Amino acid sequence: MVERLVKVECYAGYRGEERPVRVLFGERAEEVKVVEDRWYSPGATYFRVVVESGDRYILRRDDAQDVWSLEGFREAGS
């Protein structure tokens, strides 16, 4: 899979923990309904999210560069 960079809008609470609230694909925005999982690897944080359409995405945040990429996708109903 070729790395696909995406824009992600985040919420940072009082403890500073970021979590995605919206994923932007050009002009199209997908609202995050649920963060199903979060895990860490050296230099990156991963999120498995469900958006309003029911699709699931795995998003990767490069901690050093603050860059987001799409690592996986599952269409609703599959």
PDB file of N, CA and C in Angstrom:
ATOM      1  N   MET A   1       0.847  -1.183   0.000  1.00  0.00           N
ATOM      2  CA  MET A   1       0.000   0.000   0.000  1.00  0.00           C
ATOM      3  C   MET A   1       0.887   1.238   0.000  1.00  0.00           C
ATOM      4  N   VAL A   2       0.610   2.166  -0.878  1.00  0.00           N
ATOM      5  CA  VAL A   2       1.333   3.423  -0.942  1.00  0.00           C
ATOM      6  C   VAL A   2       0.824   4.314   0.179  1.00  0.00           C
ATOM      7  N   GLU A   3       1.761   4.965   0.859  1.00  0.00           N
ATOM      8  CA  GLU A   3       1.355   5.857   1.955  1.00  0.00           C
ATOM      9  C   GLU A   3       0.504   6.991   1.399  1.00  0.00           C
ATOM     10  N   ARG A   4      -0.643   7.187   1.995  1.00  0.00           N
ATOM     11  CA  ARG A   4      -1.550   8.254   1.581  1.00  0.00           C
ATOM     12  C   ARG A   4      -1.673   9.243   2.729  1.00  0.00           C
ATOM     13  N   LEU A   5      -1.167  10.446   2.506  1.00  0.00           N
ATOM     14  CA  LEU A   5      -1.250  11.480   3.530  1.00  0.00           C
ATOM     15  C   LEU A   5      -2.654  12.051   3.557  1.00  0.00           C
ATOM     16  N   VAL A   6      -3.162  12.291   4.748  1.00  0.00           N
ATOM     17  CA  VAL A   6      -4.488  12.881   4.923  1.00  0.00           C
ATOM     18  C   VAL A   6      -4.382  13.997   5.952  1.00  0.00           C
ATOM     19  N   LYS A   7      -5.362  14.875   5.934  1.00  0.00           N
ATOM     20  CA  LYS A   7      -5.458  15.906   6.962  1.00  0.00           C
ATOM     21  C   LYS A   7      -6.434  15.411   8.011  1.00  0.00           C
ATOM     22  N   VAL A   8      -6.080  15.618   9.263  1.00  0.00           N
ATOM     23  CA  VAL A   8      -6.914  15.173  10.381  1.00  0.00           C
ATOM     24  C   VAL A   8      -7.066  16.336  11.346  1.00  0.00           C
ATOM     25  N   GLU A   9      -8.304  16.624  11.704  1.00  0.00           N
ATOM     26  CA  GLU A   9      -8.557  17.616  12.747  1.00  0.00           C
ATOM     27  C   GLU A   9      -8.703  16.866  14.057  1.00  0.00           C
ATOM     28  N   CYS A  10      -8.100  17.419  15.105  1.00  0.00           N
ATOM     29  CA  CYS A  10      -8.043  16.710  16.382  1.00  0.00           C
ATOM     30  C   CYS A  10      -8.634  17.524  17.515  1.00  0.00           C
ATOM     31  N   TYR A  11      -8.974  16.813  18.563  1.00  0.00           N
ATOM     32  CA  TYR A  11      -9.373  17.397  19.835  1.00  0.00           C
ATOM     33  C   TYR A  11      -8.258  17.089  20.826  1.00  0.00           C
ATOM     34  N   ALA A  12      -7.843  18.087  21.563  1.00  0.00           N
ATOM     35  CA  ALA A  12      -6.866  17.876  22.626  1.00  0.00           C
ATOM     36  C   ALA A  12      -7.519  18.298  23.933  1.00  0.00           C
ATOM     37  N   GLY A  13      -7.671  17.355  24.835  1.00  0.00           N
ATOM     38  CA  GLY A  13      -8.298  17.632  26.123  1.00  0.00           C
ATOM     39  C   GLY A  13      -7.358  18.339  27.074  1.00  0.00           C
ATOM     40  N   TYR A  14      -7.789  18.498  28.286  1.00  0.00           N
ATOM     41  CA  TYR A  14      -7.002  19.207  29.291  1.00  0.00           C
ATOM     42  C   TYR A  14      -5.693  18.501  29.603  1.00  0.00           C
ATOM     43  N   ARG A  15      -5.616  17.198  29.316  1.00  0.00           N
ATOM     44  CA  ARG A  15      -4.375  16.459  29.541  1.00  0.00           C
ATOM     45  C   ARG A  15      -3.484  16.469  28.303  1.00  0.00           C
ATOM     46  N   GLY A  16      -3.949  17.088  27.232  1.00  0.00           N
ATOM     47  CA  GLY A  16      -3.140  17.200  26.032  1.00  0.00           C
ATOM     48  C   GLY A  16      -3.179  15.991  25.121  1.00  0.00           C
ATOM     49  N   GLU A  17      -3.987  14.993  25.421  1.00  0.00           N
ATOM     50  CA  GLU A  17      -4.079  13.812  24.568  1.00  0.00           C
ATOM     51  C   GLU A  17      -4.890  14.139  23.319  1.00  0.00           C
ATOM     52  N   GLU A  18      -4.290  13.949  22.165  1.00  0.00           N
ATOM     53  CA  GLU A  18      -4.990  14.210  20.920  1.00  0.00           C
ATOM     54  C   GLU A  18      -5.776  12.985  20.486  1.00  0.00           C
ATOM     55  N   ARG A  19      -6.924  13.270  19.868  1.00  0.00           N
ATOM     56  CA  ARG A  19      -7.686  12.203  19.228  1.00  0.00           C
ATOM     57  C   ARG A  19      -8.359  12.803  18.005  1.00  0.00           C
ATOM     58  N   PRO A  20      -8.443  12.043  16.923  1.00  0.00           N
ATOM     59  CA  PRO A  20      -9.033  12.579  15.697  1.00  0.00           C
ATOM     60  C   PRO A  20     -10.540  12.783  15.843  1.00  0.00           C
ATOM     61  N   VAL A  21     -11.027  13.898  15.285  1.00  0.00           N
ATOM     62  CA  VAL A  21     -12.466  14.170  15.277  1.00  0.00           C
ATOM     63  C   VAL A  21     -13.006  14.305  13.854  1.00  0.00           C
ATOM     64  N   ARG A  22     -12.107  14.527  12.882  1.00  0.00           N
ATOM     65  CA  ARG A  22     -12.530  14.697  11.492  1.00  0.00           C
ATOM     66  C   ARG A  22     -11.366  14.319  10.581  1.00  0.00           C
ATOM     67  N   VAL A  23     -11.664  13.569   9.514  1.00  0.00           N
ATOM     68  CA  VAL A  23     -10.666  13.206   8.515  1.00  0.00           C
ATOM     69  C   VAL A  23     -11.047  13.917   7.222  1.00  0.00           C
ATOM     70  N   LEU A  24     -10.082  14.594   6.608  1.00  0.00           N
ATOM     71  CA  LEU A  24     -10.339  15.388   5.410  1.00  0.00           C
ATOM     72  C   LEU A  24      -9.683  14.736   4.199  1.00  0.00           C
ATOM     73  N   PHE A  25     -10.496  14.464   3.186  1.00  0.00           N
ATOM     74  CA  PHE A  25     -10.026  13.923   1.914  1.00  0.00           C
ATOM     75  C   PHE A  25     -10.314  14.970   0.846  1.00  0.00           C
ATOM     76  N   GLY A  26      -9.408  15.887   0.646  1.00  0.00           N
ATOM     77  CA  GLY A  26      -9.654  16.989  -0.292  1.00  0.00           C
ATOM     78  C   GLY A  26     -10.793  17.854   0.230  1.00  0.00           C
ATOM     79  N   GLU A  27     -11.858  17.947  -0.547  1.00  0.00           N
ATOM     80  CA  GLU A  27     -13.024  18.756  -0.168  1.00  0.00           C
ATOM     81  C   GLU A  27     -14.005  17.990   0.722  1.00  0.00           C
ATOM     82  N   ARG A  28     -13.837  16.688   0.820  1.00  0.00           N
ATOM     83  CA  ARG A  28     -14.771  15.847   1.580  1.00  0.00           C
ATOM     84  C   ARG A  28     -14.244  15.635   3.001  1.00  0.00           C
ATOM     85  N   ALA A  29     -15.133  15.808   3.971  1.00  0.00           N
ATOM     86  CA  ALA A  29     -14.777  15.605   5.381  1.00  0.00           C
ATOM     87  C   ALA A  29     -15.626  14.477   5.954  1.00  0.00           C
ATOM     88  N   GLU A  30     -14.999  13.626   6.748  1.00  0.00           N
ATOM     89  CA  GLU A  30     -15.686  12.528   7.436  1.00  0.00           C
ATOM     90  C   GLU A  30     -15.568  12.767   8.940  1.00  0.00           C
ATOM     91  N   GLU A  31     -16.701  12.881   9.620  1.00  0.00           N
ATOM     92  CA  GLU A  31     -16.720  13.062  11.078  1.00  0.00           C
ATOM     93  C   GLU A  31     -16.449  11.721  11.762  1.00  0.00           C
ATOM     94  N   VAL A  32     -15.574  11.730  12.750  1.00  0.00           N
ATOM     95  CA  VAL A  32     -15.274  10.521  13.516  1.00  0.00           C
ATOM     96  C   VAL A  32     -16.362  10.331  14.567  1.00  0.00           C
ATOM     97  N   LYS A  33     -17.032   9.180  14.526  1.00  0.00           N
ATOM     98  CA  LYS A  33     -18.046   8.849  15.531  1.00  0.00           C
ATOM     99  C   LYS A  33     -17.417   8.175  16.735  1.00  0.00           C
ATOM    100  N   VAL A  34     -16.494   7.230  16.470  1.00  0.00           N
ATOM    101  CA  VAL A  34     -15.928   6.423  17.546  1.00  0.00           C
ATOM    102  C   VAL A  34     -14.443   6.187  17.287  1.00  0.00           C
ATOM    103  N   VAL A  35     -13.639   6.360  18.322  1.00  0.00           N
ATOM    104  CA  VAL A  35     -12.257   5.885  18.286  1.00  0.00           C
ATOM    105  C   VAL A  35     -12.290   4.506  18.924  1.00  0.00           C
ATOM    106  N   GLU A  36     -12.179   3.470  18.099  1.00  0.00           N
ATOM    107  CA  GLU A  36     -12.285   2.095  18.596  1.00  0.00           C
ATOM    108  C   GLU A  36     -11.028   1.625  19.304  1.00  0.00           C
ATOM    109  N   ASP A  37      -9.881   2.102  18.845  1.00  0.00           N
ATOM    110  CA  ASP A  37      -8.631   1.615  19.422  1.00  0.00           C
ATOM    111  C   ASP A  37      -7.541   2.651  19.183  1.00  0.00           C
ATOM    112  N   ARG A  38      -6.532   2.602  20.013  1.00  0.00           N
ATOM    113  CA  ARG A  38      -5.352   3.460  19.885  1.00  0.00           C
ATOM    114  C   ARG A  38      -4.164   2.634  20.338  1.00  0.00           C
ATOM    115  N   TRP A  39      -3.074   2.697  19.590  1.00  0.00           N
ATOM    116  CA  TRP A  39      -1.868   2.008  20.015  1.00  0.00           C
ATOM    117  C   TRP A  39      -0.650   2.816  19.585  1.00  0.00           C
ATOM    118  N   TYR A  40       0.451   2.495  20.226  1.00  0.00           N
ATOM    119  CA  TYR A  40       1.672   3.271  20.051  1.00  0.00           C
ATOM    120  C   TYR A  40       2.780   2.382  19.518  1.00  0.00           C
ATOM    121  N   SER A  41       3.607   2.951  18.665  1.00  0.00           N
ATOM    122  CA  SER A  41       4.845   2.306  18.238  1.00  0.00           C
ATOM    123  C   SER A  41       5.925   3.383  18.326  1.00  0.00           C
ATOM    124  N   PRO A  42       7.179   2.997  18.271  1.00  0.00           N
ATOM    125  CA  PRO A  42       8.213   4.029  18.355  1.00  0.00           C
ATOM    126  C   PRO A  42       8.035   5.084  17.261  1.00  0.00           C
ATOM    127  N   GLY A  43       7.777   6.311  17.672  1.00  0.00           N
ATOM    128  CA  GLY A  43       7.665   7.424  16.748  1.00  0.00           C
ATOM    129  C   GLY A  43       6.307   7.628  16.105  1.00  0.00           C
ATOM    130  N   ALA A  44       5.309   6.811  16.461  1.00  0.00           N
ATOM    131  CA  ALA A  44       3.995   6.949  15.819  1.00  0.00           C
ATOM    132  C   ALA A  44       2.881   6.535  16.764  1.00  0.00           C
ATOM    133  N   THR A  45       1.715   7.103  16.522  1.00  0.00           N
ATOM    134  CA  THR A  45       0.500   6.723  17.230  1.00  0.00           C
ATOM    135  C   THR A  45      -0.534   6.330  16.189  1.00  0.00           C
ATOM    136  N   TYR A  46      -1.223   5.224  16.414  1.00  0.00           N
ATOM    137  CA  TYR A  46      -2.234   4.714  15.484  1.00  0.00           C
ATOM    138  C   TYR A  46      -3.615   4.811  16.119  1.00  0.00           C
ATOM    139  N   PHE A  47      -4.617   5.086  15.295  1.00  0.00           N
ATOM    140  CA  PHE A  47      -6.007   5.143  15.734  1.00  0.00           C
ATOM    141  C   PHE A  47      -6.856   4.338  14.763  1.00  0.00           C
ATOM    142  N   ARG A  48      -7.724   3.481  15.294  1.00  0.00           N
ATOM    143  CA  ARG A  48      -8.753   2.839  14.467  1.00  0.00           C
ATOM    144  C   ARG A  48     -10.051   3.563  14.776  1.00  0.00           C
ATOM    145  N   VAL A  49     -10.635   4.190  13.741  1.00  0.00           N
ATOM    146  CA  VAL A  49     -11.815   5.023  13.943  1.00  0.00           C
ATOM    147  C   VAL A  49     -12.948   4.568  13.037  1.00  0.00           C
ATOM    148  N   VAL A  50     -14.169   4.871  13.476  1.00  0.00           N
ATOM    149  CA  VAL A  50     -15.373   4.676  12.673  1.00  0.00           C
ATOM    150  C   VAL A  50     -15.932   6.055  12.392  1.00  0.00           C
ATOM    151  N   VAL A  51     -16.223   6.328  11.114  1.00  0.00           N
ATOM    152  CA  VAL A  51     -16.769   7.632  10.724  1.00  0.00           C
ATOM    153  C   VAL A  51     -18.276   7.518  10.542  1.00  0.00           C
ATOM    154  N   GLU A  52     -18.927   8.649  10.299  1.00  0.00           N
ATOM    155  CA  GLU A  52     -20.396   8.697  10.213  1.00  0.00           C
ATOM    156  C   GLU A  52     -20.977   7.725   9.190  1.00  0.00           C
ATOM    157  N   SER A  53     -20.288   7.499   8.093  1.00  0.00           N
ATOM    158  CA  SER A  53     -20.790   6.590   7.059  1.00  0.00           C
ATOM    159  C   SER A  53     -20.703   5.126   7.477  1.00  0.00           C
ATOM    160  N   GLY A  54     -19.998   4.844   8.579  1.00  0.00           N
ATOM    161  CA  GLY A  54     -19.805   3.470   9.040  1.00  0.00           C
ATOM    162  C   GLY A  54     -18.485   2.878   8.578  1.00  0.00           C
ATOM    163  N   ASP A  55     -17.772   3.576   7.686  1.00  0.00           N
ATOM    164  CA  ASP A  55     -16.462   3.108   7.234  1.00  0.00           C
ATOM    165  C   ASP A  55     -15.480   3.166   8.400  1.00  0.00           C
ATOM    166  N   ARG A  56     -14.474   2.273   8.329  1.00  0.00           N
ATOM    167  CA  ARG A  56     -13.430   2.249   9.357  1.00  0.00           C
ATOM    168  C   ARG A  56     -12.098   2.629   8.716  1.00  0.00           C
ATOM    169  N   TYR A  57     -11.319   3.419   9.436  1.00  0.00           N
ATOM    170  CA  TYR A  57     -10.002   3.836   8.973  1.00  0.00           C
ATOM    171  C   TYR A  57      -8.973   3.551  10.053  1.00  0.00           C
ATOM    172  N   ILE A  58      -7.776   3.208   9.623  1.00  0.00           N
ATOM    173  CA  ILE A  58      -6.634   3.178  10.533  1.00  0.00           C
ATOM    174  C   ILE A  58      -5.767   4.365  10.140  1.00  0.00           C
ATOM    175  N   LEU A  59      -5.589   5.259  11.095  1.00  0.00           N
ATOM    176  CA  LEU A  59      -4.828   6.483  10.884  1.00  0.00           C
ATOM    177  C   LEU A  59      -3.529   6.408  11.671  1.00  0.00           C
ATOM    178  N   ARG A  60      -2.453   6.883  11.067  1.00  0.00           N
ATOM    179  CA  ARG A  60      -1.140   6.895  11.716  1.00  0.00           C
ATOM    180  C   ARG A  60      -0.658   8.335  11.826  1.00  0.00           C
ATOM    181  N   ARG A  61      -0.266   8.719  13.026  1.00  0.00           N
ATOM    182  CA  ARG A  61       0.295  10.055  13.261  1.00  0.00           C
ATOM    183  C   ARG A  61       1.779   9.914  13.528  1.00  0.00           C
ATOM    184  N   ASP A  62       2.598  10.517  12.662  1.00  0.00           N
ATOM    185  CA  ASP A  62       4.042  10.554  12.875  1.00  0.00           C
ATOM    186  C   ASP A  62       4.301  11.591  13.965  1.00  0.00           C
ATOM    187  N   ASP A  63       4.767  11.140  15.111  1.00  0.00           N
ATOM    188  CA  ASP A  63       4.897  12.019  16.271  1.00  0.00           C
ATOM    189  C   ASP A  63       5.922  13.135  16.070  1.00  0.00           C
ATOM    190  N   ALA A  64       7.017  12.869  15.397  1.00  0.00           N
ATOM    191  CA  ALA A  64       8.073  13.870  15.232  1.00  0.00           C
ATOM    192  C   ALA A  64       7.668  14.956  14.239  1.00  0.00           C
ATOM    193  N   GLN A  65       6.972  14.575  13.161  1.00  0.00           N
ATOM    194  CA  GLN A  65       6.641  15.538  12.118  1.00  0.00           C
ATOM    195  C   GLN A  65       5.195  16.006  12.156  1.00  0.00           C
ATOM    196  N   ASP A  66       4.381  15.409  13.021  1.00  0.00           N
ATOM    197  CA  ASP A  66       2.953  15.738  13.124  1.00  0.00           C
ATOM    198  C   ASP A  66       2.272  15.619  11.755  1.00  0.00           C
ATOM    199  N   VAL A  67       2.513  14.487  11.092  1.00  0.00           N
ATOM    200  CA  VAL A  67       1.933  14.191   9.785  1.00  0.00           C
ATOM    201  C   VAL A  67       1.056  12.952   9.935  1.00  0.00           C
ATOM    202  N   TRP A  68      -0.132  12.997   9.301  1.00  0.00           N
ATOM    203  CA  TRP A  68      -1.076  11.891   9.367  1.00  0.00           C
ATOM    204  C   TRP A  68      -1.103  11.137   8.046  1.00  0.00           C
ATOM    205  N   SER A  69      -1.253   9.819   8.121  1.00  0.00           N
ATOM    206  CA  SER A  69      -1.406   9.019   6.914  1.00  0.00           C
ATOM    207  C   SER A  69      -2.497   7.973   7.136  1.00  0.00           C
ATOM    208  N   LEU A  70      -3.084   7.541   6.027  1.00  0.00           N
ATOM    209  CA  LEU A  70      -4.102   6.504   6.041  1.00  0.00           C
ATOM    210  C   LEU A  70      -3.404   5.171   5.873  1.00  0.00           C
ATOM    211  N   GLU A  71      -3.516   4.294   6.865  1.00  0.00           N
ATOM    212  CA  GLU A  71      -2.829   3.012   6.848  1.00  0.00           C
ATOM    213  C   GLU A  71      -3.746   1.852   6.505  1.00  0.00           C
ATOM    214  N   GLY A  72      -5.051   2.034   6.680  1.00  0.00           N
ATOM    215  CA  GLY A  72      -5.986   0.963   6.378  1.00  0.00           C
ATOM    216  C   GLY A  72      -7.403   1.498   6.248  1.00  0.00           C
ATOM    217  N   PHE A  73      -8.235   0.721   5.561  1.00  0.00           N
ATOM    218  CA  PHE A  73      -9.600   1.151   5.297  1.00  0.00           C
ATOM    219  C   PHE A  73     -10.481  -0.084   5.177  1.00  0.00           C
ATOM    220  N   ARG A  74     -11.671  -0.013   5.764  1.00  0.00           N
ATOM    221  CA  ARG A  74     -12.691  -1.049   5.588  1.00  0.00           C
ATOM    222  C   ARG A  74     -14.024  -0.349   5.383  1.00  0.00           C
ATOM    223  N   GLU A  75     -14.627  -0.631   4.257  1.00  0.00           N
ATOM    224  CA  GLU A  75     -15.911  -0.033   3.913  1.00  0.00           C
ATOM    225  C   GLU A  75     -17.010  -0.609   4.794  1.00  0.00           C
ATOM    226  N   ALA A  76     -17.992   0.198   5.136  1.00  0.00           N
ATOM    227  CA  ALA A  76     -19.129  -0.251   5.947  1.00  0.00           C
ATOM    228  C   ALA A  76     -19.774  -1.443   5.276  1.00  0.00           C
ATOM    229  N   GLY A  77     -20.107  -2.450   6.060  1.00  0.00           N
ATOM    230  CA  GLY A  77     -20.783  -3.633   5.542  1.00  0.00           C
ATOM    231  C   GLY A  77     -19.858  -4.701   5.005  1.00  0.00           C
ATOM    232  N   SER A  78     -18.539  -4.471   5.022  1.00  0.00           N
ATOM    233  CA  SER A  78     -17.652  -5.529   4.539  1.00  0.00           C
ATOM    234  C   SER A  78     -16.914  -6.197   5.660  1.00  0.00           C
TER     235      SER A  78
END
